[in-house]
């Protein structure tokens, strides 16, 4: 897994988080889609879900990919924000996680 870029927006399930942020930017800019899009296109997005799944190493034979993994609590925005920094540090400091 490569290191995450400095200054990037790191999300856990990026497509969902990006859509929520886009909706809120539209609301903030009173429906001005160009202003919201300008802000979003100026961001570098990193999705931590796939690298974390690879690090955990639980393979799905049916889907042919590593299975997405919970961070340790239910997959909700606040819990993900609280847990993700520590998990990213753990991933970058250690080798692959043991398969459970």
PDB file of N, CA and C in Angstrom:
ATOM      1  N   UNK A   1       0.836  -1.173   0.000  1.00  0.00           N
ATOM      2  CA  UNK A   1       0.000   0.000   0.000  1.00  0.00           C
ATOM      3  C   UNK A   1       0.877   1.230   0.000  1.00  0.00           C
ATOM      4  N   UNK A   2       0.596   2.199  -0.856  1.00  0.00           N
ATOM      5  CA  UNK A   2       1.347   3.442  -0.893  1.00  0.00           C
ATOM      6  C   UNK A   2       0.916   4.378   0.210  1.00  0.00           C
ATOM      7  N   UNK A   3       1.754   5.346   0.494  1.00  0.00           N
ATOM      8  CA  UNK A   3       1.420   6.340   1.507  1.00  0.00           C
ATOM      9  C   UNK A   3       0.366   7.293   0.960  1.00  0.00           C
ATOM     10  N   UNK A   4      -0.464   7.810   1.829  1.00  0.00           N
ATOM     11  CA  UNK A   4      -1.459   8.779   1.422  1.00  0.00           C
ATOM     12  C   UNK A   4      -0.795  10.133   1.245  1.00  0.00           C
ATOM     13  N   UNK A   5      -1.256  10.899   0.263  1.00  0.00           N
ATOM     14  CA  UNK A   5      -0.683  12.204  -0.043  1.00  0.00           C
ATOM     15  C   UNK A   5      -0.986  13.204   1.059  1.00  0.00           C
ATOM     16  N   UNK A   6      -0.008  14.074   1.335  1.00  0.00           N
ATOM     17  CA  UNK A   6      -0.244  15.161   2.285  1.00  0.00           C
ATOM     18  C   UNK A   6      -1.262  16.112   1.664  1.00  0.00           C
ATOM     19  N   UNK A   7      -2.207  16.559   2.449  1.00  0.00           N
ATOM     20  CA  UNK A   7      -3.205  17.497   1.964  1.00  0.00           C
ATOM     21  C   UNK A   7      -4.372  16.850   1.243  1.00  0.00           C
ATOM     22  N   UNK A   8      -4.409  15.551   1.181  1.00  0.00           N
ATOM     23  CA  UNK A   8      -5.516  14.861   0.516  1.00  0.00           C
ATOM     24  C   UNK A   8      -6.690  14.726   1.474  1.00  0.00           C
ATOM     25  N   UNK A   9      -7.873  14.603   0.902  1.00  0.00           N
ATOM     26  CA  UNK A   9      -9.052  14.274   1.690  1.00  0.00           C
ATOM     27  C   UNK A   9      -9.122  12.766   1.762  1.00  0.00           C
ATOM     28  N   UNK A  10      -8.975  12.226   2.939  1.00  0.00           N
ATOM     29  CA  UNK A  10      -8.998  10.780   3.116  1.00  0.00           C
ATOM     30  C   UNK A  10     -10.376  10.392   3.628  1.00  0.00           C
ATOM     31  N   UNK A  11     -10.999   9.481   2.909  1.00  0.00           N
ATOM     32  CA  UNK A  11     -12.349   9.038   3.257  1.00  0.00           C
ATOM     33  C   UNK A  11     -12.345   7.524   3.424  1.00  0.00           C
ATOM     34  N   UNK A  12     -13.381   7.041   4.054  1.00  0.00           N
ATOM     35  CA  UNK A  12     -13.571   5.598   4.167  1.00  0.00           C
ATOM     36  C   UNK A  12     -14.876   5.288   3.453  1.00  0.00           C
ATOM     37  N   UNK A  13     -14.776   4.939   2.199  1.00  0.00           N
ATOM     38  CA  UNK A  13     -15.848   4.775   1.212  1.00  0.00           C
ATOM     39  C   UNK A  13     -16.067   6.115   0.523  1.00  0.00           C
ATOM     40  N   UNK A  14     -15.074   6.458  -0.266  1.00  0.00           N
ATOM     41  CA  UNK A  14     -14.954   7.771  -0.880  1.00  0.00           C
ATOM     42  C   UNK A  14     -16.166   8.174  -1.710  1.00  0.00           C
ATOM     43  N   UNK A  15     -16.727   7.287  -2.509  1.00  0.00           N
ATOM     44  CA  UNK A  15     -17.838   7.687  -3.368  1.00  0.00           C
ATOM     45  C   UNK A  15     -19.018   8.198  -2.548  1.00  0.00           C
ATOM     46  N   UNK A  16     -19.294   7.563  -1.430  1.00  0.00           N
ATOM     47  CA  UNK A  16     -20.385   8.015  -0.568  1.00  0.00           C
ATOM     48  C   UNK A  16     -20.044   9.367   0.066  1.00  0.00           C
ATOM     49  N   UNK A  17     -18.852   9.480   0.650  1.00  0.00           N
ATOM     50  CA  UNK A  17     -18.463  10.718   1.328  1.00  0.00           C
ATOM     51  C   UNK A  17     -18.412  11.897   0.362  1.00  0.00           C
ATOM     52  N   UNK A  18     -17.926  11.637  -0.852  1.00  0.00           N
ATOM     53  CA  UNK A  18     -17.851  12.710  -1.845  1.00  0.00           C
ATOM     54  C   UNK A  18     -19.252  13.193  -2.207  1.00  0.00           C
ATOM     55  N   UNK A  19     -20.202  12.288  -2.342  1.00  0.00           N
ATOM     56  CA  UNK A  19     -21.566  12.695  -2.688  1.00  0.00           C
ATOM     57  C   UNK A  19     -22.212  13.499  -1.564  1.00  0.00           C
ATOM     58  N   UNK A  20     -21.939  13.138  -0.327  1.00  0.00           N
ATOM     59  CA  UNK A  20     -22.472  13.897   0.814  1.00  0.00           C
ATOM     60  C   UNK A  20     -21.868  15.299   0.824  1.00  0.00           C
ATOM     61  N   UNK A  21     -20.555  15.381   0.635  1.00  0.00           N
ATOM     62  CA  UNK A  21     -19.898  16.686   0.623  1.00  0.00           C
ATOM     63  C   UNK A  21     -20.397  17.536  -0.542  1.00  0.00           C
ATOM     64  N   UNK A  22     -20.597  16.927  -1.697  1.00  0.00           N
ATOM     65  CA  UNK A  22     -21.125  17.663  -2.850  1.00  0.00           C
ATOM     66  C   UNK A  22     -22.510  18.237  -2.549  1.00  0.00           C
ATOM     67  N   UNK A  23     -23.355  17.435  -1.936  1.00  0.00           N
ATOM     68  CA  UNK A  23     -24.702  17.911  -1.575  1.00  0.00           C
ATOM     69  C   UNK A  23     -24.624  19.095  -0.617  1.00  0.00           C
ATOM     70  N   UNK A  24     -23.731  19.016   0.368  1.00  0.00           N
ATOM     71  CA  UNK A  24     -23.596  20.104   1.334  1.00  0.00           C
ATOM     72  C   UNK A  24     -22.989  21.359   0.702  1.00  0.00           C
ATOM     73  N   UNK A  25     -22.058  21.169  -0.230  1.00  0.00           N
ATOM     74  CA  UNK A  25     -21.492  22.322  -0.939  1.00  0.00           C
ATOM     75  C   UNK A  25     -22.547  23.010  -1.795  1.00  0.00           C
ATOM     76  N   UNK A  26     -23.401  22.230  -2.440  1.00  0.00           N
ATOM     77  CA  UNK A  26     -24.497  22.821  -3.209  1.00  0.00           C
ATOM     78  C   UNK A  26     -25.408  23.641  -2.303  1.00  0.00           C
ATOM     79  N   UNK A  27     -25.694  23.107  -1.147  1.00  0.00           N
ATOM     80  CA  UNK A  27     -26.527  23.843  -0.185  1.00  0.00           C
ATOM     81  C   UNK A  27     -25.819  25.115   0.263  1.00  0.00           C
ATOM     82  N   UNK A  28     -24.533  25.007   0.574  1.00  0.00           N
ATOM     83  CA  UNK A  28     -23.745  26.165   1.020  1.00  0.00           C
ATOM     84  C   UNK A  28     -23.684  27.246  -0.053  1.00  0.00           C
ATOM     85  N   UNK A  29     -23.554  26.834  -1.311  1.00  0.00           N
ATOM     86  CA  UNK A  29     -23.439  27.787  -2.416  1.00  0.00           C
ATOM     87  C   UNK A  29     -24.798  28.077  -3.062  1.00  0.00           C
ATOM     88  N   UNK A  30     -25.868  27.834  -2.331  1.00  0.00           N
ATOM     89  CA  UNK A  30     -27.235  28.155  -2.764  1.00  0.00           C
ATOM     90  C   UNK A  30     -27.554  27.570  -4.133  1.00  0.00           C
ATOM     91  N   UNK A  31     -27.154  26.309  -4.344  1.00  0.00           N
ATOM     92  CA  UNK A  31     -27.474  25.609  -5.579  1.00  0.00           C
ATOM     93  C   UNK A  31     -26.534  25.879  -6.739  1.00  0.00           C
ATOM     94  N   UNK A  32     -25.475  26.646  -6.519  1.00  0.00           N
ATOM     95  CA  UNK A  32     -24.511  26.951  -7.586  1.00  0.00           C
ATOM     96  C   UNK A  32     -23.598  25.744  -7.803  1.00  0.00           C
ATOM     97  N   UNK A  33     -23.959  24.911  -8.786  1.00  0.00           N
ATOM     98  CA  UNK A  33     -23.222  23.671  -9.039  1.00  0.00           C
ATOM     99  C   UNK A  33     -21.784  23.943  -9.467  1.00  0.00           C
ATOM    100  N   UNK A  34     -21.547  25.026 -10.190  1.00  0.00           N
ATOM    101  CA  UNK A  34     -20.186  25.345 -10.646  1.00  0.00           C
ATOM    102  C   UNK A  34     -19.270  25.636  -9.460  1.00  0.00           C
ATOM    103  N   UNK A  35     -19.774  26.361  -8.475  1.00  0.00           N
ATOM    104  CA  UNK A  35     -18.957  26.678  -7.289  1.00  0.00           C
ATOM    105  C   UNK A  35     -18.647  25.407  -6.504  1.00  0.00           C
ATOM    106  N   UNK A  36     -19.632  24.557  -6.350  1.00  0.00           N
ATOM    107  CA  UNK A  36     -19.413  23.293  -5.641  1.00  0.00           C
ATOM    108  C   UNK A  36     -18.420  22.421  -6.400  1.00  0.00           C
ATOM    109  N   UNK A  37     -18.573  22.338  -7.714  1.00  0.00           N
ATOM    110  CA  UNK A  37     -17.680  21.523  -8.534  1.00  0.00           C
ATOM    111  C   UNK A  37     -16.254  22.068  -8.511  1.00  0.00           C
ATOM    112  N   UNK A  38     -16.105  23.393  -8.535  1.00  0.00           N
ATOM    113  CA  UNK A  38     -14.760  23.997  -8.461  1.00  0.00           C
ATOM    114  C   UNK A  38     -14.054  23.557  -7.188  1.00  0.00           C
ATOM    115  N   UNK A  39     -14.771  23.570  -6.080  1.00  0.00           N
ATOM    116  CA  UNK A  39     -14.159  23.181  -4.807  1.00  0.00           C
ATOM    117  C   UNK A  39     -13.785  21.703  -4.835  1.00  0.00           C
ATOM    118  N   UNK A  40     -14.699  20.860  -5.294  1.00  0.00           N
ATOM    119  CA  UNK A  40     -14.461  19.417  -5.302  1.00  0.00           C
ATOM    120  C   UNK A  40     -13.331  19.014  -6.245  1.00  0.00           C
ATOM    121  N   UNK A  41     -13.255  19.641  -7.413  1.00  0.00           N
ATOM    122  CA  UNK A  41     -12.210  19.259  -8.367  1.00  0.00           C
ATOM    123  C   UNK A  41     -10.836  19.740  -7.917  1.00  0.00           C
ATOM    124  N   UNK A  42     -10.790  20.681  -6.990  1.00  0.00           N
ATOM    125  CA  UNK A  42      -9.517  21.131  -6.447  1.00  0.00           C
ATOM    126  C   UNK A  42      -8.987  20.239  -5.336  1.00  0.00           C
ATOM    127  N   UNK A  43      -9.743  19.221  -4.979  1.00  0.00           N
ATOM    128  CA  UNK A  43      -9.363  18.321  -3.887  1.00  0.00           C
ATOM    129  C   UNK A  43      -8.712  17.055  -4.436  1.00  0.00           C
ATOM    130  N   UNK A  44      -7.764  16.547  -3.673  1.00  0.00           N
ATOM    131  CA  UNK A  44      -7.211  15.213  -3.957  1.00  0.00           C
ATOM    132  C   UNK A  44      -7.875  14.242  -2.994  1.00  0.00           C
ATOM    133  N   UNK A  45      -8.553  13.259  -3.533  1.00  0.00           N
ATOM    134  CA  UNK A  45      -9.273  12.287  -2.729  1.00  0.00           C
ATOM    135  C   UNK A  45      -8.483  11.002  -2.616  1.00  0.00           C
ATOM    136  N   UNK A  46      -8.477  10.427  -1.443  1.00  0.00           N
ATOM    137  CA  UNK A  46      -7.885   9.119  -1.203  1.00  0.00           C
ATOM    138  C   UNK A  46      -8.936   8.280  -0.479  1.00  0.00           C
ATOM    139  N   UNK A  47      -9.176   7.075  -0.976  1.00  0.00           N
ATOM    140  CA  UNK A  47     -10.132   6.176  -0.340  1.00  0.00           C
ATOM    141  C   UNK A  47      -9.354   5.133   0.455  1.00  0.00           C
ATOM    142  N   UNK A  48      -9.506   5.161   1.755  1.00  0.00           N
ATOM    143  CA  UNK A  48      -8.764   4.249   2.629  1.00  0.00           C
ATOM    144  C   UNK A  48      -9.412   2.866   2.731  1.00  0.00           C
ATOM    145  N   UNK A  49     -10.618   2.707   2.222  1.00  0.00           N
ATOM    146  CA  UNK A  49     -11.326   1.443   2.403  1.00  0.00           C
ATOM    147  C   UNK A  49     -10.619   0.280   1.693  1.00  0.00           C
ATOM    148  N   UNK A  50     -10.229   0.471   0.453  1.00  0.00           N
ATOM    149  CA  UNK A  50      -9.603  -0.622  -0.294  1.00  0.00           C
ATOM    150  C   UNK A  50      -8.219  -0.959   0.266  1.00  0.00           C
ATOM    151  N   UNK A  51      -7.336   0.014   0.487  1.00  0.00           N
ATOM    152  CA  UNK A  51      -6.037  -0.350   1.068  1.00  0.00           C
ATOM    153  C   UNK A  51      -6.162  -1.032   2.429  1.00  0.00           C
ATOM    154  N   UNK A  52      -7.131  -0.612   3.229  1.00  0.00           N
ATOM    155  CA  UNK A  52      -7.327  -1.259   4.522  1.00  0.00           C
ATOM    156  C   UNK A  52      -7.800  -2.694   4.335  1.00  0.00           C
ATOM    157  N   UNK A  53      -8.686  -2.918   3.363  1.00  0.00           N
ATOM    158  CA  UNK A  53      -9.159  -4.283   3.083  1.00  0.00           C
ATOM    159  C   UNK A  53      -7.995  -5.164   2.632  1.00  0.00           C
ATOM    160  N   UNK A  54      -7.135  -4.636   1.779  1.00  0.00           N
ATOM    161  CA  UNK A  54      -5.965  -5.394   1.325  1.00  0.00           C
ATOM    162  C   UNK A  54      -5.053  -5.697   2.507  1.00  0.00           C
ATOM    163  N   UNK A  55      -4.826  -4.713   3.359  1.00  0.00           N
ATOM    164  CA  UNK A  55      -3.970  -4.894   4.534  1.00  0.00           C
ATOM    165  C   UNK A  55      -4.527  -5.977   5.453  1.00  0.00           C
ATOM    166  N   UNK A  56      -5.854  -5.988   5.633  1.00  0.00           N
ATOM    167  CA  UNK A  56      -6.483  -7.019   6.474  1.00  0.00           C
ATOM    168  C   UNK A  56      -6.390  -8.383   5.816  1.00  0.00           C
ATOM    169  N   UNK A  57      -6.435  -8.434   4.481  1.00  0.00           N
ATOM    170  CA  UNK A  57      -6.166  -9.659   3.754  1.00  0.00           C
ATOM    171  C   UNK A  57      -7.260 -10.702   3.722  1.00  0.00           C
ATOM    172  N   UNK A  58      -8.519 -10.304   3.855  1.00  0.00           N
ATOM    173  CA  UNK A  58      -9.623 -11.269   3.797  1.00  0.00           C
ATOM    174  C   UNK A  58     -10.159 -11.275   2.365  1.00  0.00           C
ATOM    175  N   UNK A  59      -9.853 -12.334   1.638  1.00  0.00           N
ATOM    176  CA  UNK A  59     -10.190 -12.439   0.223  1.00  0.00           C
ATOM    177  C   UNK A  59     -11.600 -12.986   0.030  1.00  0.00           C
ATOM    178  N   UNK A  60     -12.351 -12.401  -0.896  1.00  0.00           N
ATOM    179  CA  UNK A  60     -13.670 -12.908  -1.264  1.00  0.00           C
ATOM    180  C   UNK A  60     -13.528 -13.697  -2.562  1.00  0.00           C
ATOM    181  N   UNK A  61     -13.658 -15.007  -2.471  1.00  0.00           N
ATOM    182  CA  UNK A  61     -13.558 -15.856  -3.653  1.00  0.00           C
ATOM    183  C   UNK A  61     -14.698 -15.524  -4.617  1.00  0.00           C
ATOM    184  N   UNK A  62     -15.880 -15.305  -4.076  1.00  0.00           N
ATOM    185  CA  UNK A  62     -17.059 -15.021  -4.894  1.00  0.00           C
ATOM    186  C   UNK A  62     -16.885 -13.750  -5.729  1.00  0.00           C
ATOM    187  N   UNK A  63     -16.347 -12.689  -5.125  1.00  0.00           N
ATOM    188  CA  UNK A  63     -16.208 -11.406  -5.823  1.00  0.00           C
ATOM    189  C   UNK A  63     -14.831 -11.194  -6.450  1.00  0.00           C
ATOM    190  N   UNK A  64     -13.854 -11.959  -6.018  1.00  0.00           N
ATOM    191  CA  UNK A  64     -12.513 -11.819  -6.568  1.00  0.00           C
ATOM    192  C   UNK A  64     -11.781 -10.576  -6.121  1.00  0.00           C
ATOM    193  N   UNK A  65     -12.109 -10.076  -4.938  1.00  0.00           N
ATOM    194  CA  UNK A  65     -11.456  -8.895  -4.373  1.00  0.00           C
ATOM    195  C   UNK A  65     -11.338  -9.093  -2.860  1.00  0.00           C
ATOM    196  N   UNK A  66     -10.532  -8.231  -2.240  1.00  0.00           N
ATOM    197  CA  UNK A  66     -10.478  -8.251  -0.783  1.00  0.00           C
ATOM    198  C   UNK A  66     -11.773  -7.675  -0.227  1.00  0.00           C
ATOM    199  N   UNK A  67     -12.236  -8.272   0.858  1.00  0.00           N
ATOM    200  CA  UNK A  67     -13.495  -7.828   1.473  1.00  0.00           C
ATOM    201  C   UNK A  67     -13.286  -6.536   2.250  1.00  0.00           C
ATOM    202  N   UNK A  68     -14.198  -5.586   2.065  1.00  0.00           N
ATOM    203  CA  UNK A  68     -14.156  -4.364   2.864  1.00  0.00           C
ATOM    204  C   UNK A  68     -14.317  -4.733   4.326  1.00  0.00           C
ATOM    205  N   UNK A  69     -13.596  -4.034   5.174  1.00  0.00           N
ATOM    206  CA  UNK A  69     -13.561  -4.361   6.588  1.00  0.00           C
ATOM    207  C   UNK A  69     -14.063  -3.200   7.435  1.00  0.00           C
ATOM    208  N   UNK A  70     -14.816  -3.488   8.482  1.00  0.00           N
ATOM    209  CA  UNK A  70     -15.176  -2.419   9.412  1.00  0.00           C
ATOM    210  C   UNK A  70     -13.933  -1.966  10.163  1.00  0.00           C
ATOM    211  N   UNK A  71     -13.956  -0.744  10.613  1.00  0.00           N
ATOM    212  CA  UNK A  71     -12.803  -0.194  11.327  1.00  0.00           C
ATOM    213  C   UNK A  71     -12.791  -0.583  12.803  1.00  0.00           C
ATOM    214  N   UNK A  72     -13.842  -1.192  13.273  1.00  0.00           N
ATOM    215  CA  UNK A  72     -13.866  -1.618  14.665  1.00  0.00           C
ATOM    216  C   UNK A  72     -15.154  -1.287  15.374  1.00  0.00           C
ATOM    217  N   UNK A  73     -15.941  -0.433  14.780  1.00  0.00           N
ATOM    218  CA  UNK A  73     -17.267  -0.087  15.299  1.00  0.00           C
ATOM    219  C   UNK A  73     -18.207  -0.039  14.104  1.00  0.00           C
ATOM    220  N   UNK A  74     -19.495   0.167  14.320  1.00  0.00           N
ATOM    221  CA  UNK A  74     -20.405   0.242  13.173  1.00  0.00           C
ATOM    222  C   UNK A  74     -19.935   1.299  12.164  1.00  0.00           C
ATOM    223  N   UNK A  75     -20.163   1.034  10.869  1.00  0.00           N
ATOM    224  CA  UNK A  75     -19.736   1.924   9.787  1.00  0.00           C
ATOM    225  C   UNK A  75     -20.671   3.133   9.725  1.00  0.00           C
ATOM    226  N   UNK A  76     -20.376   4.116  10.568  1.00  0.00           N
ATOM    227  CA  UNK A  76     -21.098   5.388  10.565  1.00  0.00           C
ATOM    228  C   UNK A  76     -20.059   6.496  10.549  1.00  0.00           C
ATOM    229  N   UNK A  77     -20.451   7.669  10.090  1.00  0.00           N
ATOM    230  CA  UNK A  77     -19.512   8.759   9.838  1.00  0.00           C
ATOM    231  C   UNK A  77     -18.663   9.122  11.052  1.00  0.00           C
ATOM    232  N   UNK A  78     -19.276   9.321  12.192  1.00  0.00           N
ATOM    233  CA  UNK A  78     -18.522   9.756  13.368  1.00  0.00           C
ATOM    234  C   UNK A  78     -17.518   8.691  13.794  1.00  0.00           C
ATOM    235  N   UNK A  79     -17.950   7.445  13.845  1.00  0.00           N
ATOM    236  CA  UNK A  79     -17.045   6.361  14.242  1.00  0.00           C
ATOM    237  C   UNK A  79     -15.888   6.242  13.254  1.00  0.00           C
ATOM    238  N   UNK A  80     -16.180   6.338  11.953  1.00  0.00           N
ATOM    239  CA  UNK A  80     -15.115   6.248  10.956  1.00  0.00           C
ATOM    240  C   UNK A  80     -14.106   7.380  11.119  1.00  0.00           C
ATOM    241  N   UNK A  81     -14.591   8.586  11.366  1.00  0.00           N
ATOM    242  CA  UNK A  81     -13.688   9.730  11.554  1.00  0.00           C
ATOM    243  C   UNK A  81     -12.813   9.568  12.787  1.00  0.00           C
ATOM    244  N   UNK A  82     -13.365   8.986  13.814  1.00  0.00           N
ATOM    245  CA  UNK A  82     -12.592   8.779  15.035  1.00  0.00           C
ATOM    246  C   UNK A  82     -11.560   7.664  14.888  1.00  0.00           C
ATOM    247  N   UNK A  83     -11.905   6.606  14.174  1.00  0.00           N
ATOM    248  CA  UNK A  83     -11.038   5.431  14.086  1.00  0.00           C
ATOM    249  C   UNK A  83     -10.031   5.464  12.945  1.00  0.00           C
ATOM    250  N   UNK A  84     -10.357   6.129  11.856  1.00  0.00           N
ATOM    251  CA  UNK A  84      -9.524   6.058  10.664  1.00  0.00           C
ATOM    252  C   UNK A  84      -8.089   6.522  10.867  1.00  0.00           C
ATOM    253  N   UNK A  85      -7.817   7.641  11.534  1.00  0.00           N
ATOM    254  CA  UNK A  85      -6.408   8.044  11.701  1.00  0.00           C
ATOM    255  C   UNK A  85      -5.556   6.981  12.399  1.00  0.00           C
ATOM    256  N   UNK A  86      -6.075   6.378  13.429  1.00  0.00           N
ATOM    257  CA  UNK A  86      -5.316   5.343  14.139  1.00  0.00           C
ATOM    258  C   UNK A  86      -5.119   4.113  13.262  1.00  0.00           C
ATOM    259  N   UNK A  87      -6.132   3.738  12.493  1.00  0.00           N
ATOM    260  CA  UNK A  87      -6.002   2.575  11.612  1.00  0.00           C
ATOM    261  C   UNK A  87      -4.975   2.838  10.518  1.00  0.00           C
ATOM    262  N   UNK A  88      -4.971   4.044   9.951  1.00  0.00           N
ATOM    263  CA  UNK A  88      -3.993   4.367   8.910  1.00  0.00           C
ATOM    264  C   UNK A  88      -2.574   4.334   9.470  1.00  0.00           C
ATOM    265  N   UNK A  89      -2.413   4.821  10.676  1.00  0.00           N
ATOM    266  CA  UNK A  89      -1.096   4.764  11.305  1.00  0.00           C
ATOM    267  C   UNK A  89      -0.676   3.308  11.512  1.00  0.00           C
ATOM    268  N   UNK A  90      -1.599   2.485  11.955  1.00  0.00           N
ATOM    269  CA  UNK A  90      -1.317   1.068  12.168  1.00  0.00           C
ATOM    270  C   UNK A  90      -0.921   0.390  10.852  1.00  0.00           C
ATOM    271  N   UNK A  91      -1.629   0.685   9.778  1.00  0.00           N
ATOM    272  CA  UNK A  91      -1.346   0.087   8.473  1.00  0.00           C
ATOM    273  C   UNK A  91       0.038   0.497   7.985  1.00  0.00           C
ATOM    274  N   UNK A  92       0.387   1.754   8.151  1.00  0.00           N
ATOM    275  CA  UNK A  92       1.669   2.229   7.625  1.00  0.00           C
ATOM    276  C   UNK A  92       2.852   1.785   8.480  1.00  0.00           C
ATOM    277  N   UNK A  93       2.629   1.449   9.737  1.00  0.00           N
ATOM    278  CA  UNK A  93       3.715   1.020  10.627  1.00  0.00           C
ATOM    279  C   UNK A  93       3.981  -0.471  10.583  1.00  0.00           C
ATOM    280  N   UNK A  94       2.997  -1.253  10.208  1.00  0.00           N
ATOM    281  CA  UNK A  94       3.125  -2.704  10.321  1.00  0.00           C
ATOM    282  C   UNK A  94       2.976  -3.376   8.974  1.00  0.00           C
ATOM    283  N   UNK A  95       3.301  -4.637   8.947  1.00  0.00           N
ATOM    284  CA  UNK A  95       3.069  -5.446   7.754  1.00  0.00           C
ATOM    285  C   UNK A  95       1.618  -5.855   7.703  1.00  0.00           C
ATOM    286  N   UNK A  96       1.302  -6.810   6.854  1.00  0.00           N
ATOM    287  CA  UNK A  96      -0.091  -7.265   6.731  1.00  0.00           C
ATOM    288  C   UNK A  96      -0.664  -7.748   8.062  1.00  0.00           C
ATOM    289  N   UNK A  97      -1.940  -7.485   8.236  1.00  0.00           N
ATOM    290  CA  UNK A  97      -2.632  -7.936   9.443  1.00  0.00           C
ATOM    291  C   UNK A  97      -2.804  -9.447   9.381  1.00  0.00           C
ATOM    292  N   UNK A  98      -2.860 -10.087  10.532  1.00  0.00           N
ATOM    293  CA  UNK A  98      -3.122 -11.532  10.511  1.00  0.00           C
ATOM    294  C   UNK A  98      -4.544 -11.787  10.029  1.00  0.00           C
ATOM    295  N   UNK A  99      -4.732 -12.845   9.272  1.00  0.00           N
ATOM    296  CA  UNK A  99      -6.088 -13.230   8.842  1.00  0.00           C
ATOM    297  C   UNK A  99      -6.779 -13.890  10.038  1.00  0.00           C
ATOM    298  N   UNK A 100      -7.963 -13.485  10.312  1.00  0.00           N
ATOM    299  CA  UNK A 100      -8.677 -14.020  11.479  1.00  0.00           C
ATOM    300  C   UNK A 100      -9.478 -15.193  11.067  1.00  0.00           C
TER     301      UNK A 100
END
